[in-house]
Amino acid sequence: MPTRPAPTERQKRLGAELRKMRLAADRTTQYAAGLLGLDRTKVSNMESGVRATSPERIRILASNYDCADEDYVNALVALADSRSRGWWERFRGALPQGLLDVAELEWFATRLRSYQTVHIPGLLQLGSYARAVFDAALPPLPRSEVELRVVQRLQRQQVLDRDNPVDYVAYVHEWALRMQFGGRRSTREQLTHLCEASERKHVDVRVLPVEAGAFPGAGHAVLYADGAVPQLDTVQLDSAHGGEFTHADSQLAKYRAHMDWWHSHTLSPQDSRDLIHAIAQQL
């Protein structure tokens, strides 16, 4: 018997929201199973993202859970839409699923914010810079996988180039500008590209100078993706073990506060461009 593919973060998020909705209504899985004509195991699998569900079933559950937030229900229906599979599916089985989940998260976000302390943000990287980042991995990645990761990273940047580009605010620590991934020439070209990207209407690059001192979230890079409704916001954290996703209310509040802190302590867009340009000139 073929094994069922692991659920994507998008599928797991839908299941988690259905479970949250059920618990808020103080209903049991047995109650949900009766509504849908399923057994309890299938409802549990649906709430864990392992089993797909249909828009019709989502609306049945929402109605019987007394969820009157139409925008929220419509957003859940959109999560369940199987037609929303995108370009990242071409990499399934060839790259870690977490990389595909990040691409999918970015594609459906209504706004993106991130802060980086070591790297230039992936959505603004050149291929040579991205290759140097992946080449630094330990244990070393096979050359074929490095090249595939570079291709996938560059294709993620479609969210900034499509007809309806997502608004993106990239907070970058000054040290990330000075880290020479790929050497001086590669870094200089990357910083020039970063300056040019920051001139785009929907891209806002803001630098945190070293003089700012201590800052929140110093140990990792963070991506905050606004969902179709606030309840569906998601945070993705980079770690040595890969991407981690969180959407607990307390964690969302924490990282919103982080983003607010970075916004109030970073340089203005023009001052940020001036600093990036100055560092590029030093190279």
Protein backbone atom coordinates (compact mmCIF):
# COMPACT_ATOMS: atom_id res chain seq x y z
CA MET A 1 0.00 0.00 0.00
CA PRO A 2 1.48 3.40 -0.95
CA THR A 3 2.25 5.66 1.99
CA ARG A 4 0.22 8.82 2.43
CA PRO A 5 2.37 11.94 1.82
CA ALA A 6 3.13 14.01 4.90
CA PRO A 7 0.80 16.98 5.27
CA THR A 8 2.11 20.39 4.30
CA GLU A 9 2.17 23.24 6.81
CA ARG A 10 -0.83 24.71 4.99
CA GLN A 11 -2.79 21.49 5.46
CA LYS A 12 -1.74 21.18 9.09
CA ARG A 13 -2.77 24.77 9.72
CA LEU A 14 -6.26 24.14 8.33
CA GLY A 15 -6.64 21.11 10.57
CA ALA A 16 -5.45 23.04 13.61
CA GLU A 17 -7.98 25.80 12.92
CA LEU A 18 -10.83 23.30 12.59
CA ARG A 19 -9.84 21.75 15.92
CA LYS A 20 -9.61 25.20 17.54
CA MET A 21 -13.05 26.06 16.22
CA ARG A 22 -14.49 22.80 17.56
CA LEU A 23 -12.99 23.27 21.01
CA ALA A 24 -14.22 26.86 21.16
CA ALA A 25 -17.74 25.50 20.53
CA ASP A 26 -17.19 22.84 23.23
CA ARG A 27 -17.94 20.04 20.78
CA THR A 28 -16.44 16.53 20.59
CA THR A 29 -14.91 14.69 17.67
CA GLN A 30 -17.87 12.33 17.88
CA TYR A 31 -20.20 15.29 17.31
CA ALA A 32 -18.15 16.42 14.29
CA ALA A 33 -18.09 12.88 12.93
CA GLY A 34 -21.87 12.71 13.12
CA LEU A 35 -22.24 15.98 11.22
CA LEU A 36 -19.99 14.80 8.40
CA GLY A 37 -20.97 11.14 8.30
CA LEU A 38 -17.45 10.05 9.18
CA ASP A 39 -15.90 8.05 12.00
CA ARG A 40 -13.93 9.78 14.76
CA THR A 41 -10.58 8.60 13.40
CA LYS A 42 -11.17 10.39 10.11
CA VAL A 43 -12.15 13.58 11.94
CA SER A 44 -8.96 13.35 14.02
CA ASN A 45 -6.93 12.86 10.84
CA MET A 46 -8.66 15.85 9.30
CA GLU A 47 -7.78 18.00 12.32
CA SER A 48 -4.14 16.92 12.11
CA GLY A 49 -3.95 17.76 8.39
CA VAL A 50 -3.40 14.14 7.36
CA ARG A 51 -6.83 13.87 5.73
CA ALA A 52 -8.05 16.46 3.25
CA THR A 53 -11.44 18.07 3.64
CA SER A 54 -13.77 19.94 1.35
CA PRO A 55 -15.11 23.50 1.43
CA GLU A 56 -18.60 22.08 1.97
CA ARG A 57 -17.51 20.21 5.09
CA ILE A 58 -15.76 23.28 6.46
CA ARG A 59 -18.95 25.31 6.09
CA ILE A 60 -21.01 22.56 7.73
CA LEU A 61 -18.65 22.51 10.70
CA ALA A 62 -18.49 26.30 10.99
CA SER A 63 -22.27 26.60 10.91
CA ASN A 64 -22.76 23.96 13.58
CA TYR A 65 -19.93 25.36 15.68
CA ASP A 66 -21.75 28.72 15.59
CA CYS A 67 -18.79 30.47 13.95
CA ALA A 68 -20.26 33.67 12.52
CA ASP A 69 -16.98 35.16 11.24
CA GLU A 70 -17.61 34.90 7.50
CA ASP A 71 -14.19 36.24 6.50
CA TYR A 72 -12.48 33.65 8.68
CA VAL A 73 -14.58 30.80 7.29
CA ASN A 74 -13.92 31.93 3.72
CA ALA A 75 -10.19 31.99 4.49
CA LEU A 76 -10.39 28.42 5.78
CA VAL A 77 -12.20 27.37 2.62
CA ALA A 78 -9.37 28.90 0.59
CA LEU A 79 -6.88 26.84 2.60
CA ALA A 80 -8.76 23.70 1.60
CA ASP A 81 -8.81 24.55 -2.10
CA SER A 82 -6.77 21.79 -3.75
CA ARG A 83 -6.38 23.94 -6.86
CA SER A 84 -4.05 26.25 -4.91
CA ARG A 85 -1.05 23.95 -5.47
CA GLY A 86 1.71 26.04 -6.98
CA TRP A 87 5.11 26.03 -8.66
CA TRP A 88 6.86 24.68 -5.54
CA GLU A 89 5.26 21.28 -6.12
CA ARG A 90 7.86 20.65 -8.82
CA PHE A 91 10.45 20.35 -6.05
CA ARG A 92 8.48 17.91 -3.88
CA GLY A 93 10.56 14.84 -3.14
CA ALA A 94 13.75 16.58 -4.30
CA LEU A 95 14.08 19.16 -1.51
CA PRO A 96 13.13 19.15 2.18
CA GLN A 97 9.45 19.85 2.65
CA GLY A 98 10.18 22.83 4.88
CA LEU A 99 11.60 24.73 1.91
CA LEU A 100 8.41 24.11 -0.03
CA ASP A 101 6.27 25.13 2.94
CA VAL A 102 8.08 28.48 3.18
CA ALA A 103 7.48 29.14 -0.52
CA GLU A 104 3.79 28.31 -0.13
CA LEU A 105 3.51 30.49 2.97
CA GLU A 106 5.05 33.46 1.16
CA TRP A 107 2.89 32.96 -1.93
CA PHE A 108 -0.41 33.22 -0.07
CA ALA A 109 0.61 35.89 2.44
CA THR A 110 -0.99 39.32 2.24
CA ARG A 111 2.13 40.96 3.72
CA LEU A 112 5.61 39.75 4.63
CA ARG A 113 7.99 41.05 7.27
CA SER A 114 11.31 39.53 8.25
CA TYR A 115 14.42 40.27 10.22
CA GLN A 116 17.85 38.85 9.47
CA THR A 117 21.00 39.10 11.54
CA VAL A 118 23.50 37.07 9.48
CA HIS A 119 22.21 36.71 5.91
CA ILE A 120 20.64 38.99 3.35
CA PRO A 121 16.94 37.96 3.21
CA GLY A 122 16.35 35.03 0.87
CA LEU A 123 13.73 36.94 -1.14
CA LEU A 124 16.41 39.52 -2.00
CA GLN A 125 19.40 37.24 -2.61
CA LEU A 126 21.33 36.84 -5.85
CA GLY A 127 22.08 33.33 -7.03
CA SER A 128 25.82 33.58 -6.28
CA TYR A 129 25.14 34.76 -2.74
CA ALA A 130 22.53 32.04 -2.12
CA ARG A 131 24.97 29.43 -3.42
CA ALA A 132 27.62 30.60 -0.96
CA VAL A 133 25.10 30.36 1.89
CA PHE A 134 24.18 26.78 0.98
CA ASP A 135 27.83 25.86 0.43
CA ALA A 136 28.50 26.76 4.08
CA ALA A 137 26.16 24.03 5.38
CA LEU A 138 27.55 21.22 7.53
CA PRO A 139 27.57 18.42 6.72
CA PRO A 140 28.17 19.64 3.15
CA LEU A 141 25.24 19.38 0.77
CA PRO A 142 25.68 17.51 -2.53
CA ARG A 143 26.43 19.89 -5.40
CA SER A 144 23.21 18.87 -7.16
CA GLU A 145 21.13 19.76 -4.09
CA VAL A 146 22.91 23.10 -3.64
CA GLU A 147 22.05 24.04 -7.21
CA LEU A 148 18.45 22.88 -6.78
CA ARG A 149 18.12 24.95 -3.60
CA VAL A 150 19.47 28.00 -5.41
CA VAL A 151 16.92 27.56 -8.22
CA GLN A 152 14.09 27.15 -5.71
CA ARG A 153 15.19 30.20 -3.71
CA LEU A 154 15.27 32.38 -6.79
CA GLN A 155 11.83 31.15 -7.84
CA ARG A 156 10.48 32.13 -4.42
CA GLN A 157 11.19 35.71 -5.44
CA GLN A 158 8.24 35.55 -7.84
CA VAL A 159 6.10 36.92 -4.99
CA LEU A 160 7.87 40.26 -5.51
CA ASP A 161 7.66 40.16 -9.32
CA ARG A 162 4.15 38.92 -10.06
CA ASP A 163 1.28 41.18 -11.18
CA ASN A 164 0.07 41.58 -7.58
CA PRO A 165 3.35 41.62 -5.64
CA VAL A 166 3.23 41.11 -1.89
CA ASP A 167 4.32 44.03 0.29
CA TYR A 168 7.62 43.11 1.94
CA VAL A 169 9.46 44.80 4.81
CA ALA A 170 12.97 43.42 5.34
CA TYR A 171 14.77 44.38 8.56
CA VAL A 172 18.48 43.60 8.26
CA HIS A 173 21.19 43.94 10.89
CA GLU A 174 24.31 45.79 9.76
CA TRP A 175 26.44 42.72 10.40
CA ALA A 176 24.44 40.80 7.82
CA LEU A 177 25.59 43.40 5.30
CA ARG A 178 29.23 42.88 6.26
CA MET A 179 29.27 39.06 6.19
CA GLN A 180 31.16 38.17 3.02
CA PHE A 181 29.36 35.12 1.68
CA GLY A 182 31.12 34.20 -1.54
CA GLY A 183 33.87 36.78 -1.04
CA ARG A 184 34.18 40.54 -1.47
CA ARG A 185 33.00 40.72 -5.08
CA SER A 186 29.93 38.55 -4.47
CA THR A 187 29.03 40.56 -1.39
CA ARG A 188 29.47 43.87 -3.20
CA GLU A 189 27.20 42.70 -6.03
CA GLN A 190 24.67 41.48 -3.48
CA LEU A 191 24.62 44.80 -1.64
CA THR A 192 24.18 46.69 -4.91
CA HIS A 193 21.25 44.43 -5.74
CA LEU A 194 19.80 45.01 -2.27
CA CYS A 195 19.93 48.78 -2.79
CA GLU A 196 18.20 48.45 -6.15
CA ALA A 197 15.53 46.16 -4.71
CA SER A 198 14.84 48.64 -1.90
CA GLU A 199 13.81 51.23 -4.49
CA ARG A 200 10.80 49.12 -5.50
CA LYS A 201 7.46 50.46 -4.36
CA HIS A 202 6.42 47.33 -2.46
CA VAL A 203 9.84 46.54 -0.92
CA ASP A 204 11.01 48.31 2.24
CA VAL A 205 14.55 47.54 3.44
CA ARG A 206 15.57 48.92 6.84
CA VAL A 207 18.95 48.42 8.48
CA LEU A 208 19.62 48.11 12.20
CA PRO A 209 23.04 49.71 12.80
CA VAL A 210 25.46 48.09 15.22
CA GLU A 211 25.20 51.17 17.41
CA ALA A 212 21.64 50.14 18.29
CA GLY A 213 23.11 47.52 20.63
CA ALA A 214 21.02 44.62 21.91
CA PHE A 215 17.93 43.59 19.99
CA PRO A 216 15.14 41.00 20.36
CA GLY A 217 15.35 37.66 18.59
CA ALA A 218 19.13 37.81 18.24
CA GLY A 219 19.51 34.05 17.87
CA HIS A 220 17.58 33.42 14.67
CA ALA A 221 15.96 34.83 11.55
CA VAL A 222 12.20 35.38 11.58
CA LEU A 223 9.56 35.64 8.85
CA TYR A 224 6.13 36.99 9.80
CA ALA A 225 3.49 36.26 7.16
CA ASP A 226 0.13 38.01 7.38
CA GLY A 227 -2.70 35.67 6.45
CA ALA A 228 -5.94 36.44 4.65
CA VAL A 229 -7.37 37.20 8.11
CA PRO A 230 -5.38 37.98 11.29
CA GLN A 231 -6.26 34.61 12.81
CA LEU A 232 -4.24 32.94 10.05
CA ASP A 233 -0.99 34.85 10.53
CA THR A 234 2.06 32.56 10.69
CA VAL A 235 5.64 32.92 11.94
CA GLN A 236 8.48 30.91 10.42
CA LEU A 237 11.75 30.64 12.36
CA ASP A 238 15.07 29.55 10.88
CA SER A 239 17.08 27.09 12.95
CA ALA A 240 19.96 24.67 12.52
CA HIS A 241 17.36 21.91 12.09
CA GLY A 242 15.37 23.71 9.40
CA GLY A 243 12.34 25.94 9.38
CA GLU A 244 9.91 25.92 12.29
CA PHE A 245 6.37 27.27 12.02
CA THR A 246 4.25 28.69 14.82
CA HIS A 247 0.83 30.32 14.98
CA ALA A 248 -0.10 30.20 18.67
CA ASP A 249 -1.74 33.47 19.69
CA SER A 250 0.94 34.19 22.30
CA GLN A 251 3.74 33.60 19.79
CA LEU A 252 2.10 35.77 17.14
CA ALA A 253 1.78 38.58 19.68
CA LYS A 254 5.43 38.15 20.66
CA TYR A 255 6.72 38.38 17.11
CA ARG A 256 4.43 41.26 16.21
CA ALA A 257 6.10 43.09 19.10
CA HIS A 258 9.49 42.08 17.68
CA MET A 259 8.59 43.52 14.28
CA ASP A 260 7.34 46.73 15.87
CA TRP A 261 10.64 47.03 17.78
CA TRP A 262 12.70 46.57 14.62
CA HIS A 263 10.59 49.12 12.76
CA SER A 264 11.11 51.76 15.42
CA HIS A 265 14.87 51.15 15.83
CA THR A 266 16.04 50.67 12.23
CA LEU A 267 17.18 53.42 9.91
CA SER A 268 14.79 55.01 7.44
CA PRO A 269 14.68 53.48 3.95
CA GLN A 270 16.90 56.21 2.50
CA ASP A 271 19.40 56.11 5.38
CA SER A 272 19.44 52.32 5.07
CA ARG A 273 20.26 52.58 1.35
CA ASP A 274 23.03 55.05 2.13
CA LEU A 275 24.59 52.67 4.65
CA ILE A 276 24.28 49.66 2.32
CA HIS A 277 25.90 51.68 -0.47
CA ALA A 278 28.72 52.83 1.84
CA ILE A 279 29.50 49.26 2.89
CA ALA A 280 29.44 48.14 -0.75
CA GLN A 281 31.94 50.91 -1.58
CA GLN A 282 34.25 49.67 1.17
CA LEU A 283 34.35 46.32 -0.62
